[in-house]
């Protein structure tokens, strides 16, 4: 583990064998940090989550709601906690939040009409992606497809769903649908981010 305060690396222990295999074979590169724990979603069916509690140097596994039915899944840090977004073969996509005791609470479902529009008439969420921040969660597919956005309405202290049309043009030229990856960046006017 790297300690940025001391600018040093430390061996904190070994990864248990059951987690090591899943981390190296079944886990995409993305990880999520929330409340002192690093989380990874395994890509093996059925999906599951692995967590490493940094201060205690311990590993744990967490089940995923509807794990064997999900066609896509994404982990986010939302409202200060771990959030799981996933879509099933029956066309439904849901957002869950991890509660105390490693229990999941359903917090939202993607409106059916927006899900159908995003999937473009297909019934599979397989090529869907998700990115989020504290103020918004976006589900998208590829360049040119639209985006389903669930975002916070500051003036009303509520959340609402929106559809954002896709763009088929870059620099005035039409482009084919291309795979893309989204990321939220927080604006920072300082030349040195701390």
N, C-alpha and C. Protein backbone atom coordinates (compact mmCIF):
# COMPACT_ATOMS: atom_id res chain seq x y z
N UNK A 1 0.85 -1.17 0.00
CA UNK A 1 0.00 0.00 0.00
C UNK A 1 0.90 1.22 0.00
N UNK A 2 0.51 2.24 -0.78
CA UNK A 2 1.28 3.48 -0.86
C UNK A 2 0.77 4.47 0.16
N UNK A 3 1.66 5.07 0.93
CA UNK A 3 1.34 6.10 1.92
C UNK A 3 1.80 7.44 1.34
N UNK A 4 0.85 8.25 0.91
CA UNK A 4 1.20 9.53 0.27
C UNK A 4 1.77 10.54 1.25
N UNK A 5 1.50 10.38 2.54
CA UNK A 5 2.06 11.30 3.55
C UNK A 5 3.56 11.06 3.67
N UNK A 6 3.97 9.79 3.77
CA UNK A 6 5.39 9.44 3.92
C UNK A 6 6.09 9.22 2.58
N UNK A 7 5.32 9.17 1.48
CA UNK A 7 5.87 8.87 0.16
C UNK A 7 6.60 7.53 0.17
N UNK A 8 5.95 6.52 0.77
CA UNK A 8 6.56 5.20 0.87
C UNK A 8 5.54 4.11 0.58
N UNK A 9 6.05 2.93 0.24
CA UNK A 9 5.23 1.74 0.04
C UNK A 9 5.40 0.83 1.23
N UNK A 10 4.32 0.16 1.66
CA UNK A 10 4.34 -0.77 2.79
C UNK A 10 3.63 -2.06 2.40
N UNK A 11 4.17 -3.19 2.82
CA UNK A 11 3.47 -4.46 2.65
C UNK A 11 2.51 -4.58 3.82
N UNK A 12 1.22 -4.63 3.52
CA UNK A 12 0.21 -4.68 4.58
C UNK A 12 -0.29 -6.09 4.85
N UNK A 13 0.09 -7.03 4.02
CA UNK A 13 -0.36 -8.41 4.18
C UNK A 13 -0.69 -8.99 2.83
N UNK A 14 -1.25 -10.18 2.84
CA UNK A 14 -1.56 -10.88 1.62
C UNK A 14 -3.06 -10.88 1.38
N UNK A 15 -3.43 -10.93 0.11
CA UNK A 15 -4.83 -11.03 -0.27
C UNK A 15 -5.24 -12.49 -0.10
N UNK A 16 -6.34 -12.77 0.63
CA UNK A 16 -6.80 -14.16 0.76
C UNK A 16 -7.03 -14.79 -0.62
N UNK A 17 -6.72 -16.06 -0.75
CA UNK A 17 -6.77 -16.75 -2.04
C UNK A 17 -8.11 -16.58 -2.76
N UNK A 18 -9.24 -16.69 -2.03
CA UNK A 18 -10.53 -16.58 -2.71
C UNK A 18 -10.76 -15.19 -3.31
N UNK A 19 -10.13 -14.16 -2.74
CA UNK A 19 -10.23 -12.81 -3.29
C UNK A 19 -9.18 -12.58 -4.37
N UNK A 20 -8.00 -13.16 -4.22
CA UNK A 20 -6.92 -12.96 -5.19
C UNK A 20 -7.32 -13.44 -6.57
N UNK A 21 -7.96 -14.60 -6.65
CA UNK A 21 -8.38 -15.15 -7.95
C UNK A 21 -9.42 -14.23 -8.58
N UNK A 22 -10.39 -13.81 -7.80
CA UNK A 22 -11.45 -12.95 -8.36
C UNK A 22 -10.89 -11.59 -8.76
N UNK A 23 -9.93 -11.05 -8.01
CA UNK A 23 -9.34 -9.76 -8.36
C UNK A 23 -8.55 -9.82 -9.65
N UNK A 24 -7.82 -10.90 -9.88
CA UNK A 24 -6.97 -10.98 -11.06
C UNK A 24 -7.70 -11.45 -12.30
N UNK A 25 -8.73 -12.27 -12.15
CA UNK A 25 -9.40 -12.86 -13.31
C UNK A 25 -10.74 -12.19 -13.62
N UNK A 26 -11.53 -11.90 -12.61
CA UNK A 26 -12.91 -11.49 -12.83
C UNK A 26 -13.22 -10.03 -12.51
N UNK A 27 -12.22 -9.21 -12.26
CA UNK A 27 -12.50 -7.84 -11.85
C UNK A 27 -12.00 -6.84 -12.87
N UNK A 28 -12.89 -5.94 -13.34
CA UNK A 28 -12.41 -4.85 -14.19
C UNK A 28 -11.49 -3.95 -13.35
N UNK A 29 -10.79 -3.05 -14.01
CA UNK A 29 -9.81 -2.21 -13.32
C UNK A 29 -10.42 -1.19 -12.37
N UNK A 30 -11.67 -0.84 -12.52
CA UNK A 30 -12.26 0.22 -11.72
C UNK A 30 -12.46 -0.22 -10.27
N UNK A 31 -12.20 0.70 -9.38
CA UNK A 31 -12.48 0.49 -7.97
C UNK A 31 -13.19 1.72 -7.45
N UNK A 32 -13.86 1.58 -6.31
CA UNK A 32 -14.58 2.69 -5.69
C UNK A 32 -14.16 2.77 -4.23
N UNK A 33 -13.87 3.96 -3.76
CA UNK A 33 -13.52 4.17 -2.36
C UNK A 33 -14.71 4.82 -1.66
N UNK A 34 -15.11 4.24 -0.54
CA UNK A 34 -16.22 4.79 0.23
C UNK A 34 -16.05 4.44 1.70
N UNK A 35 -16.05 5.45 2.55
CA UNK A 35 -16.01 5.27 4.00
C UNK A 35 -14.89 4.35 4.48
N UNK A 36 -13.69 4.55 3.95
CA UNK A 36 -12.53 3.79 4.40
C UNK A 36 -12.37 2.42 3.78
N UNK A 37 -13.18 2.09 2.77
CA UNK A 37 -13.12 0.77 2.13
C UNK A 37 -12.96 0.94 0.62
N UNK A 38 -12.05 0.14 0.03
CA UNK A 38 -11.93 0.07 -1.42
C UNK A 38 -12.78 -1.11 -1.88
N UNK A 39 -13.63 -0.88 -2.88
CA UNK A 39 -14.54 -1.91 -3.40
C UNK A 39 -14.24 -2.21 -4.86
N UNK A 40 -14.42 -3.48 -5.24
CA UNK A 40 -14.31 -3.93 -6.62
C UNK A 40 -15.51 -4.81 -6.92
N UNK A 41 -16.05 -4.66 -8.12
CA UNK A 41 -17.14 -5.52 -8.58
C UNK A 41 -16.53 -6.62 -9.43
N UNK A 42 -16.86 -7.87 -9.15
CA UNK A 42 -16.38 -8.95 -9.99
C UNK A 42 -17.25 -9.03 -11.24
N UNK A 43 -16.66 -9.46 -12.33
CA UNK A 43 -17.43 -9.58 -13.57
C UNK A 43 -17.92 -11.01 -13.79
N UNK A 44 -17.55 -11.92 -12.90
CA UNK A 44 -18.03 -13.30 -13.01
C UNK A 44 -19.52 -13.34 -12.68
N UNK A 45 -20.27 -14.16 -13.41
CA UNK A 45 -21.68 -14.32 -13.08
C UNK A 45 -21.79 -15.37 -12.00
N UNK A 46 -22.51 -15.22 -10.99
CA UNK A 46 -23.24 -14.04 -10.58
C UNK A 46 -22.27 -13.01 -10.00
N UNK A 47 -22.62 -11.74 -10.21
CA UNK A 47 -21.78 -10.66 -9.73
C UNK A 47 -21.67 -10.67 -8.21
N UNK A 48 -20.54 -10.18 -7.72
CA UNK A 48 -20.36 -9.97 -6.28
C UNK A 48 -19.37 -8.82 -6.10
N UNK A 49 -19.26 -8.34 -4.88
CA UNK A 49 -18.38 -7.21 -4.57
C UNK A 49 -17.35 -7.66 -3.55
N UNK A 50 -16.13 -7.21 -3.75
CA UNK A 50 -15.07 -7.43 -2.77
C UNK A 50 -14.68 -6.09 -2.18
N UNK A 51 -14.44 -6.07 -0.88
CA UNK A 51 -14.05 -4.83 -0.22
C UNK A 51 -12.82 -5.03 0.64
N UNK A 52 -11.96 -4.02 0.66
CA UNK A 52 -10.78 -4.03 1.51
C UNK A 52 -10.86 -2.83 2.44
N UNK A 53 -11.05 -3.11 3.75
CA UNK A 53 -11.11 -2.04 4.75
C UNK A 53 -9.68 -1.64 5.09
N UNK A 54 -9.31 -0.45 4.70
CA UNK A 54 -7.91 -0.01 4.76
C UNK A 54 -7.38 0.06 6.19
N UNK A 55 -8.10 0.67 7.10
CA UNK A 55 -7.58 0.85 8.47
C UNK A 55 -7.45 -0.47 9.22
N UNK A 56 -8.32 -1.43 8.95
CA UNK A 56 -8.29 -2.72 9.64
C UNK A 56 -7.51 -3.78 8.87
N UNK A 57 -7.15 -3.46 7.60
CA UNK A 57 -6.41 -4.40 6.76
C UNK A 57 -7.16 -5.73 6.62
N UNK A 58 -8.48 -5.65 6.37
CA UNK A 58 -9.30 -6.85 6.26
C UNK A 58 -10.08 -6.85 4.95
N UNK A 59 -10.36 -8.06 4.45
CA UNK A 59 -11.12 -8.26 3.23
C UNK A 59 -12.50 -8.80 3.56
N UNK A 60 -13.47 -8.49 2.71
CA UNK A 60 -14.81 -9.05 2.89
C UNK A 60 -15.51 -9.11 1.53
N UNK A 61 -16.44 -10.03 1.45
CA UNK A 61 -17.27 -10.15 0.26
C UNK A 61 -18.67 -9.66 0.56
N UNK A 62 -19.30 -9.06 -0.44
CA UNK A 62 -20.66 -8.53 -0.28
C UNK A 62 -21.50 -9.04 -1.44
N UNK A 63 -22.67 -9.55 -1.13
CA UNK A 63 -23.60 -9.98 -2.18
C UNK A 63 -24.17 -8.80 -2.92
N UNK A 64 -24.70 -9.06 -4.09
CA UNK A 64 -25.27 -8.03 -4.96
C UNK A 64 -26.73 -8.36 -5.21
N UNK A 65 -27.64 -7.39 -5.09
CA UNK A 65 -29.05 -7.65 -5.39
C UNK A 65 -29.23 -8.14 -6.83
N UNK A 66 -30.04 -9.17 -7.00
CA UNK A 66 -30.37 -9.73 -8.32
C UNK A 66 -29.12 -10.14 -9.09
N UNK A 67 -28.07 -10.57 -8.40
CA UNK A 67 -26.75 -10.83 -8.99
C UNK A 67 -26.79 -11.75 -10.20
N UNK A 68 -27.61 -12.78 -10.17
CA UNK A 68 -27.64 -13.74 -11.27
C UNK A 68 -28.49 -13.28 -12.45
N UNK A 69 -29.21 -12.17 -12.31
CA UNK A 69 -30.07 -11.67 -13.39
C UNK A 69 -29.49 -10.44 -14.08
N UNK A 70 -28.44 -9.85 -13.52
CA UNK A 70 -27.90 -8.60 -14.05
C UNK A 70 -27.11 -8.82 -15.34
N UNK A 71 -27.31 -7.91 -16.30
CA UNK A 71 -26.56 -7.93 -17.55
C UNK A 71 -25.46 -6.87 -17.55
N UNK A 72 -25.62 -5.86 -16.75
CA UNK A 72 -24.56 -4.89 -16.56
C UNK A 72 -24.64 -4.42 -15.12
N UNK A 73 -23.50 -3.99 -14.60
CA UNK A 73 -23.46 -3.53 -13.22
C UNK A 73 -22.34 -2.51 -13.09
N UNK A 74 -22.54 -1.56 -12.19
CA UNK A 74 -21.54 -0.53 -11.97
C UNK A 74 -21.55 -0.12 -10.51
N UNK A 75 -20.38 0.19 -9.97
CA UNK A 75 -20.26 0.70 -8.61
C UNK A 75 -19.94 2.17 -8.66
N UNK A 76 -20.55 2.93 -7.74
CA UNK A 76 -20.33 4.36 -7.64
C UNK A 76 -20.26 4.77 -6.18
N UNK A 77 -19.66 5.90 -5.92
CA UNK A 77 -19.77 6.52 -4.61
C UNK A 77 -20.80 7.63 -4.77
N UNK A 78 -21.90 7.52 -4.03
CA UNK A 78 -23.01 8.46 -4.17
C UNK A 78 -23.55 8.78 -2.78
N UNK A 79 -23.75 10.05 -2.49
CA UNK A 79 -24.21 10.50 -1.17
C UNK A 79 -23.31 9.98 -0.06
N UNK A 80 -22.02 9.88 -0.35
CA UNK A 80 -21.05 9.45 0.65
C UNK A 80 -21.00 7.96 0.90
N UNK A 81 -21.80 7.18 0.18
CA UNK A 81 -21.82 5.74 0.40
C UNK A 81 -21.66 4.97 -0.89
N UNK A 82 -21.59 3.66 -0.77
CA UNK A 82 -21.44 2.80 -1.94
C UNK A 82 -22.79 2.61 -2.61
N UNK A 83 -22.82 2.80 -3.92
CA UNK A 83 -24.03 2.66 -4.71
C UNK A 83 -23.77 1.67 -5.84
N UNK A 84 -24.77 0.86 -6.12
CA UNK A 84 -24.70 -0.19 -7.14
C UNK A 84 -25.80 0.08 -8.16
N UNK A 85 -25.45 0.13 -9.44
CA UNK A 85 -26.42 0.35 -10.51
C UNK A 85 -26.36 -0.88 -11.42
N UNK A 86 -27.51 -1.44 -11.74
CA UNK A 86 -27.53 -2.63 -12.59
C UNK A 86 -28.80 -2.76 -13.39
N UNK A 87 -28.68 -3.45 -14.55
CA UNK A 87 -29.83 -3.68 -15.42
C UNK A 87 -30.01 -5.16 -15.68
N UNK A 88 -31.27 -5.60 -15.76
CA UNK A 88 -31.60 -7.01 -15.94
C UNK A 88 -32.12 -7.30 -17.34
N UNK A 89 -32.23 -8.56 -17.66
CA UNK A 89 -32.69 -8.98 -18.99
C UNK A 89 -34.16 -8.66 -19.23
N UNK A 90 -34.91 -8.35 -18.21
CA UNK A 90 -36.31 -7.99 -18.41
C UNK A 90 -36.47 -6.50 -18.67
N UNK A 91 -35.36 -5.79 -18.88
CA UNK A 91 -35.41 -4.39 -19.25
C UNK A 91 -35.41 -3.42 -18.09
N UNK A 92 -35.30 -3.90 -16.88
CA UNK A 92 -35.34 -3.03 -15.71
C UNK A 92 -33.93 -2.67 -15.26
N UNK A 93 -33.73 -1.42 -14.86
CA UNK A 93 -32.46 -1.00 -14.28
C UNK A 93 -32.76 -0.31 -12.94
N UNK A 94 -31.94 -0.61 -11.94
CA UNK A 94 -32.19 -0.11 -10.59
C UNK A 94 -30.92 0.46 -9.97
N UNK A 95 -31.12 1.30 -8.97
CA UNK A 95 -30.02 1.90 -8.21
C UNK A 95 -30.22 1.50 -6.75
N UNK A 96 -29.19 0.86 -6.17
CA UNK A 96 -29.22 0.44 -4.78
C UNK A 96 -28.13 1.16 -4.00
N UNK A 97 -28.36 1.31 -2.71
CA UNK A 97 -27.39 1.94 -1.82
C UNK A 97 -27.07 0.96 -0.69
N UNK A 98 -25.78 0.83 -0.35
CA UNK A 98 -25.37 -0.07 0.72
C UNK A 98 -25.69 0.56 2.07
N UNK A 99 -26.41 -0.18 2.88
CA UNK A 99 -26.81 0.28 4.21
C UNK A 99 -25.96 -0.42 5.26
N UNK A 100 -26.19 -0.10 6.53
CA UNK A 100 -25.49 -0.77 7.63
C UNK A 100 -25.73 -2.26 7.57
N UNK A 101 -24.72 -3.02 7.96
CA UNK A 101 -24.85 -4.47 7.98
C UNK A 101 -24.77 -5.09 6.60
N UNK A 102 -24.18 -4.39 5.64
CA UNK A 102 -24.04 -4.89 4.27
C UNK A 102 -25.38 -5.27 3.64
N UNK A 103 -26.42 -4.51 3.97
CA UNK A 103 -27.74 -4.68 3.36
C UNK A 103 -27.89 -3.64 2.26
N UNK A 104 -28.54 -4.01 1.18
CA UNK A 104 -28.79 -3.09 0.08
C UNK A 104 -30.21 -2.55 0.16
N UNK A 105 -30.36 -1.26 -0.08
CA UNK A 105 -31.67 -0.64 -0.14
C UNK A 105 -31.90 -0.07 -1.53
N UNK A 106 -33.02 -0.44 -2.15
CA UNK A 106 -33.38 0.10 -3.47
C UNK A 106 -33.73 1.57 -3.30
N UNK A 107 -33.05 2.45 -4.06
CA UNK A 107 -33.35 3.88 -3.92
C UNK A 107 -34.06 4.44 -5.15
N UNK A 108 -33.89 3.81 -6.33
CA UNK A 108 -34.56 4.30 -7.53
C UNK A 108 -34.60 3.21 -8.58
N UNK A 109 -35.58 3.32 -9.48
CA UNK A 109 -35.64 2.50 -10.69
C UNK A 109 -35.60 3.46 -11.87
N UNK A 110 -34.87 3.08 -12.91
CA UNK A 110 -34.84 3.89 -14.13
C UNK A 110 -36.25 3.84 -14.73
N UNK A 111 -36.83 5.00 -15.06
CA UNK A 111 -38.16 4.99 -15.67
C UNK A 111 -38.16 4.11 -16.93
N UNK A 112 -39.16 3.26 -17.05
CA UNK A 112 -39.22 2.28 -18.12
C UNK A 112 -39.07 2.92 -19.50
N UNK A 113 -39.76 4.05 -19.75
CA UNK A 113 -39.69 4.67 -21.07
C UNK A 113 -38.28 5.18 -21.39
N UNK A 114 -37.54 5.64 -20.39
CA UNK A 114 -36.16 6.09 -20.62
C UNK A 114 -35.23 4.90 -20.83
N UNK A 115 -35.47 3.82 -20.11
CA UNK A 115 -34.68 2.61 -20.31
C UNK A 115 -34.85 2.05 -21.71
N UNK A 116 -36.09 2.01 -22.19
CA UNK A 116 -36.39 1.52 -23.54
C UNK A 116 -35.71 2.41 -24.58
N UNK A 117 -35.76 3.72 -24.36
CA UNK A 117 -35.14 4.67 -25.29
C UNK A 117 -33.63 4.47 -25.32
N UNK A 118 -33.02 4.30 -24.15
CA UNK A 118 -31.57 4.10 -24.07
C UNK A 118 -31.15 2.81 -24.76
N UNK A 119 -31.94 1.76 -24.58
CA UNK A 119 -31.60 0.46 -25.16
C UNK A 119 -31.89 0.41 -26.67
N UNK A 120 -32.56 1.41 -27.19
CA UNK A 120 -32.82 1.47 -28.63
C UNK A 120 -33.66 0.33 -29.15
N UNK A 121 -34.64 -0.10 -28.37
CA UNK A 121 -35.51 -1.18 -28.78
C UNK A 121 -34.99 -2.57 -28.46
N UNK A 122 -33.75 -2.66 -28.00
CA UNK A 122 -33.20 -3.96 -27.60
C UNK A 122 -33.63 -4.24 -26.17
N UNK A 123 -33.54 -5.50 -25.78
CA UNK A 123 -33.94 -5.83 -24.42
C UNK A 123 -32.74 -6.10 -23.51
N UNK A 124 -31.54 -5.90 -24.03
CA UNK A 124 -30.35 -6.22 -23.25
C UNK A 124 -29.64 -4.95 -22.76
N UNK A 125 -29.27 -4.96 -21.48
CA UNK A 125 -28.47 -3.88 -20.90
C UNK A 125 -26.98 -4.19 -21.03
N UNK A 126 -26.63 -5.26 -21.74
CA UNK A 126 -25.26 -5.76 -21.80
C UNK A 126 -24.18 -4.74 -22.15
N UNK A 127 -24.44 -3.81 -23.04
CA UNK A 127 -23.42 -2.83 -23.43
C UNK A 127 -23.58 -1.49 -22.73
N UNK A 128 -24.36 -1.48 -21.68
CA UNK A 128 -24.61 -0.22 -20.96
C UNK A 128 -23.46 0.08 -20.03
N UNK A 129 -23.32 1.37 -19.73
CA UNK A 129 -22.28 1.84 -18.82
C UNK A 129 -22.90 2.86 -17.89
N UNK A 130 -22.20 3.15 -16.81
CA UNK A 130 -22.72 4.10 -15.83
C UNK A 130 -21.57 4.87 -15.23
N UNK A 131 -21.80 6.14 -14.98
CA UNK A 131 -20.83 6.99 -14.30
C UNK A 131 -21.62 7.91 -13.37
N UNK A 132 -21.02 8.29 -12.26
CA UNK A 132 -21.75 9.12 -11.32
C UNK A 132 -20.86 10.00 -10.49
N UNK A 133 -21.50 10.93 -9.82
CA UNK A 133 -20.85 11.82 -8.87
C UNK A 133 -21.84 12.06 -7.75
N UNK A 134 -21.52 12.94 -6.85
CA UNK A 134 -22.44 13.22 -5.75
C UNK A 134 -23.76 13.81 -6.25
N UNK A 135 -23.75 14.52 -7.37
CA UNK A 135 -24.95 15.20 -7.82
C UNK A 135 -25.67 14.59 -9.00
N UNK A 136 -25.13 13.50 -9.57
CA UNK A 136 -25.77 12.92 -10.75
C UNK A 136 -25.29 11.49 -10.99
N UNK A 137 -26.16 10.70 -11.62
CA UNK A 137 -25.82 9.37 -12.10
C UNK A 137 -26.28 9.31 -13.55
N UNK A 138 -25.38 8.87 -14.45
CA UNK A 138 -25.68 8.81 -15.88
C UNK A 138 -25.52 7.39 -16.40
N UNK A 139 -26.50 6.93 -17.16
CA UNK A 139 -26.42 5.64 -17.85
C UNK A 139 -26.35 5.93 -19.34
N UNK A 140 -25.42 5.29 -20.04
CA UNK A 140 -25.21 5.56 -21.46
C UNK A 140 -24.72 4.30 -22.15
N UNK A 141 -24.59 4.34 -23.45
CA UNK A 141 -24.12 3.17 -24.21
C UNK A 141 -22.89 3.53 -25.04
N UNK A 142 -23.06 4.17 -26.18
CA UNK A 142 -21.92 4.54 -27.01
C UNK A 142 -22.15 5.93 -27.58
N UNK A 143 -21.13 6.44 -28.24
CA UNK A 143 -21.23 7.77 -28.85
C UNK A 143 -22.44 7.78 -29.78
N UNK A 144 -23.27 8.76 -29.65
CA UNK A 144 -24.45 8.86 -30.49
C UNK A 144 -25.72 8.42 -29.81
N UNK A 145 -25.59 7.51 -28.85
CA UNK A 145 -26.80 7.13 -28.11
C UNK A 145 -27.07 8.21 -27.06
N UNK A 146 -28.26 8.28 -26.62
CA UNK A 146 -28.60 9.26 -25.59
C UNK A 146 -28.10 8.81 -24.23
N UNK A 147 -28.37 9.64 -23.23
CA UNK A 147 -27.95 9.37 -21.86
C UNK A 147 -29.13 9.58 -20.93
N UNK A 148 -29.32 8.63 -20.02
CA UNK A 148 -30.33 8.76 -18.98
C UNK A 148 -29.62 9.34 -17.76
N UNK A 149 -30.15 10.45 -17.25
CA UNK A 149 -29.51 11.15 -16.14
C UNK A 149 -30.48 11.25 -14.97
N UNK A 150 -30.02 10.86 -13.80
CA UNK A 150 -30.75 11.08 -12.55
C UNK A 150 -29.92 12.07 -11.77
N UNK A 151 -30.45 13.28 -11.58
CA UNK A 151 -29.64 14.31 -10.93
C UNK A 151 -30.39 15.08 -9.87
N UNK A 152 -29.59 15.66 -9.01
CA UNK A 152 -30.13 16.41 -7.89
C UNK A 152 -30.59 17.78 -8.37
N UNK A 153 -31.78 18.17 -7.93
CA UNK A 153 -32.32 19.49 -8.23
C UNK A 153 -32.09 20.35 -6.99
N UNK A 154 -31.05 21.14 -7.00
CA UNK A 154 -30.63 21.90 -5.81
C UNK A 154 -31.74 22.79 -5.26
N UNK A 155 -32.46 23.46 -6.14
CA UNK A 155 -33.48 24.41 -5.68
C UNK A 155 -34.65 23.72 -4.98
N UNK A 156 -34.87 22.45 -5.28
CA UNK A 156 -36.00 21.75 -4.67
C UNK A 156 -35.56 20.66 -3.70
N UNK A 157 -34.25 20.43 -3.59
CA UNK A 157 -33.70 19.39 -2.72
C UNK A 157 -34.31 18.02 -3.04
N UNK A 158 -34.55 17.77 -4.34
CA UNK A 158 -35.07 16.49 -4.80
C UNK A 158 -34.20 15.99 -5.96
N UNK A 159 -34.51 14.81 -6.44
CA UNK A 159 -33.82 14.23 -7.58
C UNK A 159 -34.83 14.02 -8.70
N UNK A 160 -34.37 14.16 -9.95
CA UNK A 160 -35.27 13.99 -11.09
C UNK A 160 -34.54 13.28 -12.23
N UNK A 161 -35.33 12.63 -13.10
CA UNK A 161 -34.80 11.92 -14.26
C UNK A 161 -34.86 12.81 -15.49
N UNK A 162 -33.82 12.72 -16.35
CA UNK A 162 -33.75 13.50 -17.58
C UNK A 162 -33.19 12.64 -18.70
N UNK A 163 -33.58 12.96 -19.92
CA UNK A 163 -33.01 12.34 -21.11
C UNK A 163 -32.15 13.38 -21.81
N UNK A 164 -30.92 13.01 -22.17
CA UNK A 164 -30.01 13.88 -22.91
C UNK A 164 -29.75 13.21 -24.25
N UNK A 165 -30.09 13.92 -25.34
CA UNK A 165 -29.89 13.37 -26.68
C UNK A 165 -28.42 13.12 -26.95
N UNK A 166 -28.15 12.08 -27.73
CA UNK A 166 -26.77 11.76 -28.13
C UNK A 166 -26.32 12.65 -29.26
N UNK A 167 -25.03 12.63 -29.54
CA UNK A 167 -24.45 13.45 -30.59
C UNK A 167 -23.76 12.54 -31.61
N UNK A 168 -24.09 12.71 -32.88
CA UNK A 168 -23.48 11.91 -33.94
C UNK A 168 -22.43 12.71 -34.72
N UNK A 169 -22.08 13.90 -34.22
CA UNK A 169 -21.15 14.75 -34.95
C UNK A 169 -20.00 15.19 -34.05
N UNK A 170 -18.80 15.16 -34.60
CA UNK A 170 -17.62 15.70 -33.92
C UNK A 170 -16.93 16.61 -34.92
N UNK A 171 -16.76 17.87 -34.55
CA UNK A 171 -16.13 18.83 -35.46
C UNK A 171 -16.91 18.99 -36.75
N UNK A 172 -18.23 18.86 -36.69
CA UNK A 172 -19.08 19.03 -37.87
C UNK A 172 -19.17 17.81 -38.76
N UNK A 173 -18.46 16.74 -38.44
CA UNK A 173 -18.50 15.52 -39.26
C UNK A 173 -19.25 14.42 -38.53
N UNK A 174 -20.09 13.72 -39.29
CA UNK A 174 -20.84 12.61 -38.70
C UNK A 174 -19.89 11.45 -38.42
N UNK A 175 -20.07 10.85 -37.24
CA UNK A 175 -19.23 9.71 -36.87
C UNK A 175 -20.12 8.50 -36.60
N UNK A 176 -19.52 7.33 -36.71
CA UNK A 176 -20.22 6.09 -36.40
C UNK A 176 -20.35 5.98 -34.88
N UNK A 177 -21.24 5.11 -34.45
CA UNK A 177 -21.32 4.83 -33.02
C UNK A 177 -20.01 4.20 -32.57
N UNK A 178 -19.39 4.81 -31.59
CA UNK A 178 -18.11 4.34 -31.07
C UNK A 178 -18.24 4.03 -29.60
N UNK A 179 -17.50 3.03 -29.11
CA UNK A 179 -17.52 2.80 -27.67
C UNK A 179 -16.89 3.98 -26.96
N UNK A 180 -17.49 4.40 -25.85
CA UNK A 180 -16.96 5.53 -25.09
C UNK A 180 -16.96 5.17 -23.62
N UNK A 181 -16.24 5.97 -22.84
CA UNK A 181 -16.22 5.81 -21.39
C UNK A 181 -16.39 7.19 -20.79
N UNK A 182 -17.33 7.31 -19.85
CA UNK A 182 -17.59 8.59 -19.23
C UNK A 182 -16.88 8.72 -17.89
N UNK A 183 -16.63 9.95 -17.52
CA UNK A 183 -16.03 10.25 -16.22
C UNK A 183 -16.50 11.64 -15.80
N UNK A 184 -16.78 11.80 -14.52
CA UNK A 184 -17.12 13.12 -14.00
C UNK A 184 -15.85 13.78 -13.50
N UNK A 185 -15.64 15.02 -13.89
CA UNK A 185 -14.51 15.79 -13.40
C UNK A 185 -15.05 17.00 -12.66
N UNK A 186 -14.53 17.23 -11.48
CA UNK A 186 -14.94 18.42 -10.73
C UNK A 186 -14.12 19.60 -11.21
N UNK A 187 -14.77 20.71 -11.58
CA UNK A 187 -14.00 21.88 -12.03
C UNK A 187 -13.11 22.39 -10.91
N UNK A 188 -11.92 22.82 -11.29
CA UNK A 188 -10.98 23.33 -10.31
C UNK A 188 -10.20 24.45 -10.98
N UNK A 189 -10.30 25.66 -10.44
CA UNK A 189 -9.61 26.80 -11.03
C UNK A 189 -8.19 26.95 -10.50
N UNK A 190 -7.85 26.22 -9.47
CA UNK A 190 -6.52 26.30 -8.90
C UNK A 190 -5.52 25.55 -9.76
N UNK A 191 -4.30 26.12 -9.97
CA UNK A 191 -3.30 25.39 -10.75
C UNK A 191 -2.76 24.18 -10.01
N UNK A 192 -2.97 24.12 -8.69
CA UNK A 192 -2.50 23.00 -7.88
C UNK A 192 -3.68 22.43 -7.13
N UNK A 193 -4.07 21.22 -7.49
CA UNK A 193 -5.19 20.57 -6.79
C UNK A 193 -4.64 19.80 -5.59
N UNK A 194 -5.20 20.02 -4.44
CA UNK A 194 -4.73 19.34 -3.23
C UNK A 194 -5.76 18.36 -2.78
